[in-house]
Protein backbone atom coordinates (compact mmCIF):
# COMPACT_ATOMS: atom_id res chain seq x y z
CA MET A 1 -111.29 4.71 116.05
CA THR A 2 -109.94 1.16 115.86
CA ASN A 3 -108.91 -0.63 119.01
CA VAL A 4 -105.51 -2.29 118.92
CA THR A 5 -104.59 -5.03 121.31
CA LEU A 6 -101.26 -5.42 122.99
CA GLU A 7 -100.87 -8.75 121.19
CA GLU A 8 -101.19 -7.04 117.82
CA VAL A 9 -98.63 -4.42 118.76
CA ASN A 10 -96.26 -7.11 119.98
CA LYS A 11 -96.75 -9.11 116.76
CA ASN A 12 -95.93 -6.00 114.69
CA VAL A 13 -92.85 -5.19 116.77
CA LEU A 14 -91.56 -8.75 116.42
CA GLU A 15 -92.10 -8.62 112.65
CA LEU A 16 -90.20 -5.33 112.45
CA LYS A 17 -87.33 -6.81 114.45
CA ARG A 18 -87.19 -9.76 112.06
CA GLU A 19 -87.15 -7.47 109.03
CA ILE A 20 -84.42 -5.31 110.55
CA GLU A 21 -82.29 -8.38 111.15
CA GLU A 22 -82.73 -9.40 107.50
CA ILE A 23 -81.67 -5.93 106.37
CA ARG A 24 -78.64 -6.00 108.68
CA SER A 25 -77.50 -9.37 107.38
CA PHE A 26 -77.98 -8.17 103.81
CA LEU A 27 -75.93 -5.03 104.43
CA ASN A 28 -73.13 -6.98 106.12
CA GLU A 29 -72.56 -9.17 103.07
CA ASP A 30 -69.48 -8.57 100.96
CA PHE A 31 -70.49 -7.50 97.48
CA GLU A 32 -68.41 -7.47 94.35
CA LEU A 33 -69.39 -5.38 91.37
CA ALA A 34 -69.93 -7.14 88.08
CA GLU A 35 -67.29 -6.51 85.43
CA ASP A 36 -69.69 -4.60 83.18
CA VAL A 37 -70.58 -2.27 86.07
CA LYS A 38 -66.90 -1.70 86.82
CA LYS A 39 -66.36 -0.86 83.14
CA GLU A 40 -69.25 1.62 83.13
CA ILE A 41 -67.90 3.33 86.25
CA GLU A 42 -64.43 3.55 84.73
CA GLU A 43 -65.83 5.03 81.50
CA SER A 44 -67.96 7.55 83.37
CA ARG A 45 -64.95 8.75 85.35
CA LYS A 46 -63.17 9.55 82.08
CA ARG A 47 -65.99 11.86 80.95
CA SER A 48 -65.55 15.58 81.25
CA ASP A 49 -67.66 17.41 83.80
CA SER A 50 -68.98 19.59 80.99
CA GLU A 51 -70.82 16.55 79.58
CA PHE A 52 -73.01 16.39 82.68
CA ILE A 53 -76.04 18.50 83.52
CA SER A 54 -75.87 20.35 86.81
CA ASN A 55 -78.72 20.06 89.29
CA GLU A 56 -79.49 23.74 88.80
CA ASN A 57 -80.08 23.18 85.06
CA ILE A 58 -82.52 20.32 85.46
CA GLN A 59 -86.07 21.38 84.74
CA PHE A 60 -89.06 19.55 86.09
CA ASN A 61 -92.47 19.60 84.46
């Protein structure tokens, strides 16, 4: 079994805190969808439900 020092644990915890802060700042940004994405969403909403495959009908290999 590998011995882990308190310094290593502290280093890992500090790195995790830094990464969490990056994720938080990323999630707090205001995003705007590109026009082509908006168009695709609009077109998909016009499609009939019968055009889609239900989860029950999906077959996995």
